Amino acid sequence: PQQPTKLFYIGPMFRYERPQSGRYRQFH
């Protein structure tokens, strides 16, 4: 009944990229 729903998350993400400063294949 109470909307909007407000959510947050903290965690690792994964992308196949060319690693460089601030850009990684596992990042958070």
Full PDB file with SEQRES, HELIX, SHEET, SSBOND, CRYST1, ORIGX, SCALE, CONECT and MASTER records, all heavy atoms in Angstrom:
SEQRES   1 A   28  PRO GLN GLN PRO THR LYS LEU PHE TYR ILE GLY PRO MET          
SEQRES   2 A   28  PHE ARG TYR GLU ARG PRO GLN SER GLY ARG TYR ARG GLN          
SEQRES   3 A   28  PHE HIS                                                      
SHEET    1 AA1 2 MET A  13  PHE A  14  0                                        
SHEET    2 AA1 2 GLN A  26  PHE A  27 -1                                        
CRYST1    1.000    1.000    1.000  90.00  90.00  90.00 P 1           1          
ORIGX1      1.000000  0.000000  0.000000        0.00000                         
ORIGX2      0.000000  1.000000  0.000000        0.00000                         
ORIGX3      0.000000  0.000000  1.000000        0.00000                         
SCALE1      1.000000  0.000000  0.000000        0.00000                         
SCALE2      0.000000  1.000000  0.000000        0.00000                         
SCALE3      0.000000  0.000000  1.000000        0.00000                         
ATOM      1  N   PRO A   1       0.808  -1.228   0.000  1.00  0.00           N  
ATOM      2  CA  PRO A   1       0.000   0.000   0.000  1.00  0.00           C  
ATOM      3  C   PRO A   1       0.838   1.273   0.000  1.00  0.00           C  
ATOM      4  O   PRO A   1       0.394   2.295  -0.514  1.00  0.00           O  
ATOM      5  CB  PRO A   1      -0.827  -0.128   1.289  1.00  0.00           C  
ATOM      6  CG  PRO A   1      -0.064  -1.086   2.154  1.00  0.00           C  
ATOM      7  CD  PRO A   1       0.596  -2.043   1.213  1.00  0.00           C  
ATOM      8  N   GLN A   2       2.031   1.218   0.587  1.00  0.00           N  
ATOM      9  CA  GLN A   2       2.866   2.420   0.653  1.00  0.00           C  
ATOM     10  C   GLN A   2       3.766   2.491  -0.571  1.00  0.00           C  
ATOM     11  O   GLN A   2       4.657   1.676  -0.752  1.00  0.00           O  
ATOM     12  CB  GLN A   2       3.722   2.413   1.932  1.00  0.00           C  
ATOM     13  CG  GLN A   2       4.621   3.641   2.099  1.00  0.00           C  
ATOM     14  CD  GLN A   2       3.835   4.933   2.209  1.00  0.00           C  
ATOM     15  OE1 GLN A   2       2.773   4.971   2.840  1.00  0.00           O  
ATOM     16  NE2 GLN A   2       4.326   5.986   1.593  1.00  0.00           N  
ATOM     17  N   GLN A   3       3.488   3.451  -1.426  1.00  0.00           N  
ATOM     18  CA  GLN A   3       4.308   3.666  -2.617  1.00  0.00           C  
ATOM     19  C   GLN A   3       4.750   5.132  -2.654  1.00  0.00           C  
ATOM     20  O   GLN A   3       4.085   5.999  -2.082  1.00  0.00           O  
ATOM     21  CB  GLN A   3       3.517   3.312  -3.880  1.00  0.00           C  
ATOM     22  CG  GLN A   3       3.131   1.858  -4.000  1.00  0.00           C  
ATOM     23  CD  GLN A   3       4.328   0.920  -4.126  1.00  0.00           C  
ATOM     24  OE1 GLN A   3       5.425   1.320  -4.525  1.00  0.00           O  
ATOM     25  NE2 GLN A   3       4.124  -0.351  -3.769  1.00  0.00           N  
ATOM     26  N   PRO A   4       5.863   5.472  -3.273  1.00  0.00           N  
ATOM     27  CA  PRO A   4       6.717   4.584  -4.052  1.00  0.00           C  
ATOM     28  C   PRO A   4       7.572   3.668  -3.182  1.00  0.00           C  
ATOM     29  O   PRO A   4       7.710   3.878  -1.978  1.00  0.00           O  
ATOM     30  CB  PRO A   4       7.592   5.559  -4.836  1.00  0.00           C  
ATOM     31  CG  PRO A   4       7.702   6.746  -3.937  1.00  0.00           C  
ATOM     32  CD  PRO A   4       6.351   6.870  -3.293  1.00  0.00           C  
ATOM     33  N   THR A   5       8.135   2.642  -3.811  1.00  0.00           N  
ATOM     34  CA  THR A   5       9.081   1.759  -3.155  1.00  0.00           C  
ATOM     35  C   THR A   5      10.482   2.304  -3.391  1.00  0.00           C  
ATOM     36  O   THR A   5      10.892   2.516  -4.535  1.00  0.00           O  
ATOM     37  CB  THR A   5       8.982   0.335  -3.734  1.00  0.00           C  
ATOM     38  OG1 THR A   5       7.667  -0.180  -3.479  1.00  0.00           O  
ATOM     39  CG2 THR A   5      10.008  -0.585  -3.097  1.00  0.00           C  
ATOM     40  N   LYS A   6      11.203   2.541  -2.299  1.00  0.00           N  
ATOM     41  CA  LYS A   6      12.550   3.117  -2.394  1.00  0.00           C  
ATOM     42  C   LYS A   6      13.568   2.059  -1.975  1.00  0.00           C  
ATOM     43  O   LYS A   6      13.530   1.579  -0.844  1.00  0.00           O  
ATOM     44  CB  LYS A   6      12.673   4.345  -1.487  1.00  0.00           C  
ATOM     45  CG  LYS A   6      11.673   5.458  -1.791  1.00  0.00           C  
ATOM     46  CD  LYS A   6      11.858   6.628  -0.839  1.00  0.00           C  
ATOM     47  CE  LYS A   6      10.866   7.737  -1.088  1.00  0.00           C  
ATOM     48  NZ  LYS A   6      11.083   8.883  -0.161  1.00  0.00           N  
ATOM     49  N   LEU A   7      14.463   1.714  -2.879  1.00  0.00           N  
ATOM     50  CA  LEU A   7      15.434   0.643  -2.648  1.00  0.00           C  
ATOM     51  C   LEU A   7      16.849   1.139  -2.921  1.00  0.00           C  
ATOM     52  O   LEU A   7      17.060   2.022  -3.752  1.00  0.00           O  
ATOM     53  CB  LEU A   7      15.146  -0.547  -3.569  1.00  0.00           C  
ATOM     54  CG  LEU A   7      13.745  -1.159  -3.508  1.00  0.00           C  
ATOM     55  CD1 LEU A   7      13.579  -2.188  -4.623  1.00  0.00           C  
ATOM     56  CD2 LEU A   7      13.481  -1.793  -2.146  1.00  0.00           C  
ATOM     57  N   PHE A   8      17.817   0.543  -2.211  1.00  0.00           N  
ATOM     58  CA  PHE A   8      19.223   0.770  -2.563  1.00  0.00           C  
ATOM     59  C   PHE A   8      19.969  -0.547  -2.496  1.00  0.00           C  
ATOM     60  O   PHE A   8      19.527  -1.495  -1.850  1.00  0.00           O  
ATOM     61  CB  PHE A   8      19.879   1.824  -1.654  1.00  0.00           C  
ATOM     62  CG  PHE A   8      20.305   1.328  -0.293  1.00  0.00           C  
ATOM     63  CD1 PHE A   8      21.590   0.817  -0.086  1.00  0.00           C  
ATOM     64  CD2 PHE A   8      19.435   1.377   0.786  1.00  0.00           C  
ATOM     65  CE1 PHE A   8      21.992   0.369   1.175  1.00  0.00           C  
ATOM     66  CE2 PHE A   8      19.825   0.929   2.047  1.00  0.00           C  
ATOM     67  CZ  PHE A   8      21.109   0.420   2.239  1.00  0.00           C  
ATOM     68  N   TYR A   9      21.092  -0.616  -3.185  1.00  0.00           N  
ATOM     69  CA  TYR A   9      21.921  -1.818  -3.192  1.00  0.00           C  
ATOM     70  C   TYR A   9      23.389  -1.419  -3.172  1.00  0.00           C  
ATOM     71  O   TYR A   9      23.766  -0.310  -3.592  1.00  0.00           O  
ATOM     72  CB  TYR A   9      21.625  -2.685  -4.426  1.00  0.00           C  
ATOM     73  CG  TYR A   9      21.797  -1.958  -5.741  1.00  0.00           C  
ATOM     74  CD1 TYR A   9      23.046  -1.855  -6.351  1.00  0.00           C  
ATOM     75  CD2 TYR A   9      20.702  -1.359  -6.380  1.00  0.00           C  
ATOM     76  CE1 TYR A   9      23.206  -1.171  -7.538  1.00  0.00           C  
ATOM     77  CE2 TYR A   9      20.856  -0.680  -7.573  1.00  0.00           C  
ATOM     78  CZ  TYR A   9      22.108  -0.587  -8.150  1.00  0.00           C  
ATOM     79  OH  TYR A   9      22.270   0.090  -9.321  1.00  0.00           O  
ATOM     80  N   ILE A  10      24.218  -2.304  -2.688  1.00  0.00           N  
ATOM     81  CA  ILE A  10      25.672  -2.151  -2.711  1.00  0.00           C  
ATOM     82  C   ILE A  10      26.255  -3.513  -3.078  1.00  0.00           C  
ATOM     83  O   ILE A  10      25.921  -4.507  -2.429  1.00  0.00           O  
ATOM     84  CB  ILE A  10      26.236  -1.704  -1.351  1.00  0.00           C  
ATOM     85  CG1 ILE A  10      25.632  -0.359  -0.922  1.00  0.00           C  
ATOM     86  CG2 ILE A  10      27.761  -1.612  -1.395  1.00  0.00           C  
ATOM     87  CD1 ILE A  10      26.032   0.067   0.491  1.00  0.00           C  
ATOM     88  N   GLY A  11      27.079  -3.575  -4.102  1.00  0.00           N  
ATOM     89  CA  GLY A  11      27.629  -4.877  -4.448  1.00  0.00           C  
ATOM     90  C   GLY A  11      28.447  -4.870  -5.711  1.00  0.00           C  
ATOM     91  O   GLY A  11      28.558  -3.856  -6.411  1.00  0.00           O  
ATOM     92  N   PRO A  12      29.025  -6.038  -6.056  1.00  0.00           N  
ATOM     93  CA  PRO A  12      29.871  -6.154  -7.243  1.00  0.00           C  
ATOM     94  C   PRO A  12      29.072  -6.299  -8.527  1.00  0.00           C  
ATOM     95  O   PRO A  12      28.000  -6.907  -8.533  1.00  0.00           O  
ATOM     96  CB  PRO A  12      30.694  -7.411  -6.956  1.00  0.00           C  
ATOM     97  CG  PRO A  12      29.801  -8.248  -6.097  1.00  0.00           C  
ATOM     98  CD  PRO A  12      29.018  -7.278  -5.258  1.00  0.00           C  
ATOM     99  N   MET A  13      29.604  -5.730  -9.595  1.00  0.00           N  
ATOM    100  CA  MET A  13      29.069  -5.873 -10.951  1.00  0.00           C  
ATOM    101  C   MET A  13      30.210  -6.368 -11.836  1.00  0.00           C  
ATOM    102  O   MET A  13      31.384  -6.274 -11.464  1.00  0.00           O  
ATOM    103  CB  MET A  13      28.530  -4.531 -11.481  1.00  0.00           C  
ATOM    104  CG  MET A  13      27.587  -3.810 -10.533  1.00  0.00           C  
ATOM    105  SD  MET A  13      26.023  -4.666 -10.301  1.00  0.00           S  
ATOM    106  CE  MET A  13      25.433  -3.857  -8.790  1.00  0.00           C  
ATOM    107  N   PHE A  14      29.866  -6.861 -13.031  1.00  0.00           N  
ATOM    108  CA  PHE A  14      30.869  -7.501 -13.867  1.00  0.00           C  
ATOM    109  C   PHE A  14      30.687  -7.100 -15.333  1.00  0.00           C  
ATOM    110  O   PHE A  14      29.606  -7.261 -15.888  1.00  0.00           O  
ATOM    111  CB  PHE A  14      30.772  -9.024 -13.745  1.00  0.00           C  
ATOM    112  CG  PHE A  14      30.856  -9.524 -12.323  1.00  0.00           C  
ATOM    113  CD1 PHE A  14      29.720  -9.574 -11.526  1.00  0.00           C  
ATOM    114  CD2 PHE A  14      32.071  -9.918 -11.786  1.00  0.00           C  
ATOM    115  CE1 PHE A  14      29.788 -10.015 -10.217  1.00  0.00           C  
ATOM    116  CE2 PHE A  14      32.152 -10.361 -10.483  1.00  0.00           C  
ATOM    117  CZ  PHE A  14      31.012 -10.409  -9.696  1.00  0.00           C  
ATOM    118  N   ARG A  15      31.750  -6.574 -15.930  1.00  0.00           N  
ATOM    119  CA  ARG A  15      31.725  -6.254 -17.362  1.00  0.00           C  
ATOM    120  C   ARG A  15      33.089  -6.573 -17.958  1.00  0.00           C  
ATOM    121  O   ARG A  15      34.127  -6.270 -17.355  1.00  0.00           O  
ATOM    122  CB  ARG A  15      31.407  -4.765 -17.602  1.00  0.00           C  
ATOM    123  CG  ARG A  15      30.016  -4.344 -17.158  1.00  0.00           C  
ATOM    124  CD  ARG A  15      29.749  -2.894 -17.511  1.00  0.00           C  
ATOM    125  NE  ARG A  15      28.572  -2.382 -16.820  1.00  0.00           N  
ATOM    126  CZ  ARG A  15      28.161  -1.115 -16.859  1.00  0.00           C  
ATOM    127  NH1 ARG A  15      28.860  -0.239 -17.575  1.00  0.00           N  
ATOM    128  NH2 ARG A  15      27.099  -0.724 -16.203  1.00  0.00           N  
ATOM    129  N   TYR A  16      33.067  -7.160 -19.146  1.00  0.00           N  
ATOM    130  CA  TYR A  16      34.316  -7.474 -19.835  1.00  0.00           C  
ATOM    131  C   TYR A  16      34.769  -6.207 -20.559  1.00  0.00           C  
ATOM    132  O   TYR A  16      34.287  -5.885 -21.642  1.00  0.00           O  
ATOM    133  CB  TYR A  16      34.139  -8.625 -20.814  1.00  0.00           C  
ATOM    134  CG  TYR A  16      35.457  -9.067 -21.419  1.00  0.00           C  
ATOM    135  CD1 TYR A  16      36.278  -9.954 -20.739  1.00  0.00           C  
ATOM    136  CD2 TYR A  16      35.882  -8.580 -22.645  1.00  0.00           C  
ATOM    137  CE1 TYR A  16      37.494 -10.357 -21.272  1.00  0.00           C  
ATOM    138  CE2 TYR A  16      37.086  -8.970 -23.194  1.00  0.00           C  
ATOM    139  CZ  TYR A  16      37.893  -9.854 -22.494  1.00  0.00           C  
ATOM    140  OH  TYR A  16      39.105 -10.237 -23.019  1.00  0.00           O  
ATOM    141  N   GLU A  17      35.678  -5.461 -19.928  1.00  0.00           N  
ATOM    142  CA  GLU A  17      36.180  -4.224 -20.486  1.00  0.00           C  
ATOM    143  C   GLU A  17      37.699  -4.217 -20.422  1.00  0.00           C  
ATOM    144  O   GLU A  17      38.316  -5.018 -19.718  1.00  0.00           O  
ATOM    145  CB  GLU A  17      35.645  -3.013 -19.708  1.00  0.00           C  
ATOM    146  CG  GLU A  17      34.138  -2.848 -19.765  1.00  0.00           C  
ATOM    147  CD  GLU A  17      33.689  -1.567 -19.091  1.00  0.00           C  
ATOM    148  OE1 GLU A  17      33.652  -1.530 -17.859  1.00  0.00           O  
ATOM    149  OE2 GLU A  17      33.394  -0.612 -19.815  1.00  0.00           O  
ATOM    150  N   ARG A  18      38.305  -3.280 -21.124  1.00  0.00           N  
ATOM    151  CA  ARG A  18      39.742  -3.096 -21.020  1.00  0.00           C  
ATOM    152  C   ARG A  18      40.038  -2.406 -19.700  1.00  0.00           C  
ATOM    153  O   ARG A  18      39.656  -1.250 -19.501  1.00  0.00           O  
ATOM    154  CB  ARG A  18      40.237  -2.244 -22.197  1.00  0.00           C  
ATOM    155  CG  ARG A  18      41.733  -1.987 -22.182  1.00  0.00           C  
ATOM    156  CD  ARG A  18      42.164  -1.260 -23.446  1.00  0.00           C  
ATOM    157  NE  ARG A  18      43.560  -0.863 -23.360  1.00  0.00           N  
ATOM    158  CZ  ARG A  18      43.971   0.311 -22.872  1.00  0.00           C  
ATOM    159  NH1 ARG A  18      43.083   1.182 -22.428  1.00  0.00           N  
ATOM    160  NH2 ARG A  18      45.259   0.606 -22.824  1.00  0.00           N  
ATOM    161  N   PRO A  19      40.719  -3.087 -18.776  1.00  0.00           N  
ATOM    162  CA  PRO A  19      40.939  -2.487 -17.451  1.00  0.00           C  
ATOM    163  C   PRO A  19      41.757  -1.198 -17.547  1.00  0.00           C  
ATOM    164  O   PRO A  19      42.724  -1.112 -18.300  1.00  0.00           O  
ATOM    165  CB  PRO A  19      41.710  -3.577 -16.692  1.00  0.00           C  
ATOM    166  CG  PRO A  19      41.385  -4.847 -17.405  1.00  0.00           C  
ATOM    167  CD  PRO A  19      41.248  -4.459 -18.849  1.00  0.00           C  
ATOM    168  N   GLN A  20      41.342  -0.202 -16.783  1.00  0.00           N  
ATOM    169  CA  GLN A  20      42.051   1.064 -16.670  1.00  0.00           C  
ATOM    170  C   GLN A  20      41.642   1.706 -15.364  1.00  0.00           C  
ATOM    171  O   GLN A  20      40.810   1.159 -14.635  1.00  0.00           O  
ATOM    172  CB  GLN A  20      41.741   1.969 -17.866  1.00  0.00           C  
ATOM    173  CG  GLN A  20      40.243   2.176 -18.110  1.00  0.00           C  
ATOM    174  CD  GLN A  20      39.971   2.913 -19.393  1.00  0.00           C  
ATOM    175  OE1 GLN A  20      40.301   4.081 -19.514  1.00  0.00           O  
ATOM    176  NE2 GLN A  20      39.382   2.224 -20.377  1.00  0.00           N  
ATOM    177  N   SER A  21      42.216   2.857 -15.057  1.00  0.00           N  
ATOM    178  CA  SER A  21      41.929   3.496 -13.782  1.00  0.00           C  
ATOM    179  C   SER A  21      40.428   3.750 -13.614  1.00  0.00           C  
ATOM    180  O   SER A  21      39.798   4.395 -14.458  1.00  0.00           O  
ATOM    181  CB  SER A  21      42.685   4.827 -13.689  1.00  0.00           C  
ATOM    182  OG  SER A  21      42.385   5.496 -12.485  1.00  0.00           O  
ATOM    183  N   GLY A  22      39.862   3.215 -12.549  1.00  0.00           N  
ATOM    184  CA  GLY A  22      38.446   3.405 -12.260  1.00  0.00           C  
ATOM    185  C   GLY A  22      37.516   2.524 -13.054  1.00  0.00           C  
ATOM    186  O   GLY A  22      36.295   2.618 -12.912  1.00  0.00           O  
ATOM    187  N   ARG A  23      38.058   1.661 -13.909  1.00  0.00           N  
ATOM    188  CA  ARG A  23      37.223   0.788 -14.748  1.00  0.00           C  
ATOM    189  C   ARG A  23      37.789  -0.622 -14.681  1.00  0.00           C  
ATOM    190  O   ARG A  23      38.907  -0.867 -15.155  1.00  0.00           O  
ATOM    191  CB  ARG A  23      37.196   1.298 -16.186  1.00  0.00           C  
ATOM    192  CG  ARG A  23      36.169   0.608 -17.078  1.00  0.00           C  
ATOM    193  CD  ARG A  23      36.260   1.119 -18.496  1.00  0.00           C  
ATOM    194  NE  ARG A  23      35.892   2.515 -18.605  1.00  0.00           N  
ATOM    195  CZ  ARG A  23      34.663   2.960 -18.805  1.00  0.00           C  
ATOM    196  NH1 ARG A  23      33.672   2.096 -18.901  1.00  0.00           N  
ATOM    197  NH2 ARG A  23      34.420   4.250 -18.898  1.00  0.00           N  
ATOM    198  N   TYR A  24      37.029  -1.523 -14.091  1.00  0.00           N  
ATOM    199  CA  TYR A  24      37.520  -2.885 -13.866  1.00  0.00           C  
ATOM    200  C   TYR A  24      36.497  -3.897 -14.355  1.00  0.00           C  
ATOM    201  O   TYR A  24      35.337  -3.564 -14.613  1.00  0.00           O  
ATOM    202  CB  TYR A  24      37.812  -3.103 -12.373  1.00  0.00           C  
ATOM    203  CG  TYR A  24      38.751  -2.071 -11.799  1.00  0.00           C  
ATOM    204  CD1 TYR A  24      38.272  -0.999 -11.041  1.00  0.00           C  
ATOM    205  CD2 TYR A  24      40.122  -2.157 -12.034  1.00  0.00           C  
ATOM    206  CE1 TYR A  24      39.138  -0.047 -10.535  1.00  0.00           C  
ATOM    207  CE2 TYR A  24      40.992  -1.210 -11.521  1.00  0.00           C  
ATOM    208  CZ  TYR A  24      40.499  -0.146 -10.778  1.00  0.00           C  
ATOM    209  OH  TYR A  24      41.342   0.799 -10.275  1.00  0.00           O  
ATOM    210  N   ARG A  25      36.924  -5.149 -14.442  1.00  0.00           N  
ATOM    211  CA  ARG A  25      36.009  -6.205 -14.885  1.00  0.00           C  
ATOM    212  C   ARG A  25      35.107  -6.671 -13.754  1.00  0.00           C  
ATOM    213  O   ARG A  25      33.982  -7.094 -14.001  1.00  0.00           O  
ATOM    214  CB  ARG A  25      36.828  -7.363 -15.475  1.00  0.00           C  
ATOM    215  CG  ARG A  25      37.490  -6.956 -16.771  1.00  0.00           C  
ATOM    216  CD  ARG A  25      38.356  -8.037 -17.381  1.00  0.00           C  
ATOM    217  NE  ARG A  25      38.890  -7.560 -18.658  1.00  0.00           N  
ATOM    218  CZ  ARG A  25      39.740  -8.244 -19.415  1.00  0.00           C  
ATOM    219  NH1 ARG A  25      40.159  -9.445 -19.016  1.00  0.00           N  
ATOM    220  NH2 ARG A  25      40.164  -7.739 -20.551  1.00  0.00           N  
ATOM    221  N   GLN A  26      35.597  -6.608 -12.540  1.00  0.00           N  
ATOM    222  CA  GLN A  26      34.710  -6.679 -11.371  1.00  0.00           C  
ATOM    223  C   GLN A  26      34.814  -5.340 -10.678  1.00  0.00           C  
ATOM    224  O   GLN A  26      35.889  -4.934 -10.231  1.00  0.00           O  
ATOM    225  CB  GLN A  26      35.098  -7.785 -10.395  1.00  0.00           C  
ATOM    226  CG  GLN A  26      34.199  -7.757  -9.140  1.00  0.00           C  
ATOM    227  CD  GLN A  26      34.491  -8.875  -8.159  1.00  0.00           C  
ATOM    228  OE1 GLN A  26      34.576 -10.033  -8.522  1.00  0.00           O  
ATOM    229  NE2 GLN A  26      34.646  -8.520  -6.897  1.00  0.00           N  
ATOM    230  N   PHE A  27      33.702  -4.634 -10.625  1.00  0.00           N  
ATOM    231  CA  PHE A  27      33.661  -3.324  -9.967  1.00  0.00           C  
ATOM    232  C   PHE A  27      32.473  -3.308  -9.023  1.00  0.00           C  
ATOM    233  O   PHE A  27      31.679  -4.261  -8.972  1.00  0.00           O  
ATOM    234  CB  PHE A  27      33.577  -2.204 -11.008  1.00  0.00           C  
ATOM    235  CG  PHE A  27      32.371  -2.295 -11.917  1.00  0.00           C  
ATOM    236  CD1 PHE A  27      31.242  -1.518 -11.690  1.00  0.00           C  
ATOM    237  CD2 PHE A  27      32.360  -3.160 -12.999  1.00  0.00           C  
ATOM    238  CE1 PHE A  27      30.129  -1.603 -12.517  1.00  0.00           C  
ATOM    239  CE2 PHE A  27      31.257  -3.257 -13.842  1.00  0.00           C  
ATOM    240  CZ  PHE A  27      30.145  -2.486 -13.601  1.00  0.00           C  
ATOM    241  N   HIS A  28      32.348  -2.254  -8.267  1.00  0.00           N  
ATOM    242  CA  HIS A  28      31.329  -2.220  -7.216  1.00  0.00           C  
ATOM    243  C   HIS A  28      30.506  -0.941  -7.325  1.00  0.00           C  
ATOM    244  O   HIS A  28      31.048   0.127  -7.647  1.00  0.00           O  
ATOM    245  CB  HIS A  28      31.991  -2.307  -5.837  1.00  0.00           C  
ATOM    246  CG  HIS A  28      32.789  -3.566  -5.644  1.00  0.00           C  
ATOM    247  ND1 HIS A  28      34.022  -3.746  -6.238  1.00  0.00           N  
ATOM    248  CD2 HIS A  28      32.516  -4.702  -4.955  1.00  0.00           C  
ATOM    249  CE1 HIS A  28      34.487  -4.946  -5.913  1.00  0.00           C  
ATOM    250  NE2 HIS A  28      33.595  -5.544  -5.142  1.00  0.00           N  
TER     251      HIS A  28                                                      
MASTER        0    0    0    0    2    0    0    6  250    1    0    3          
END                                                                             
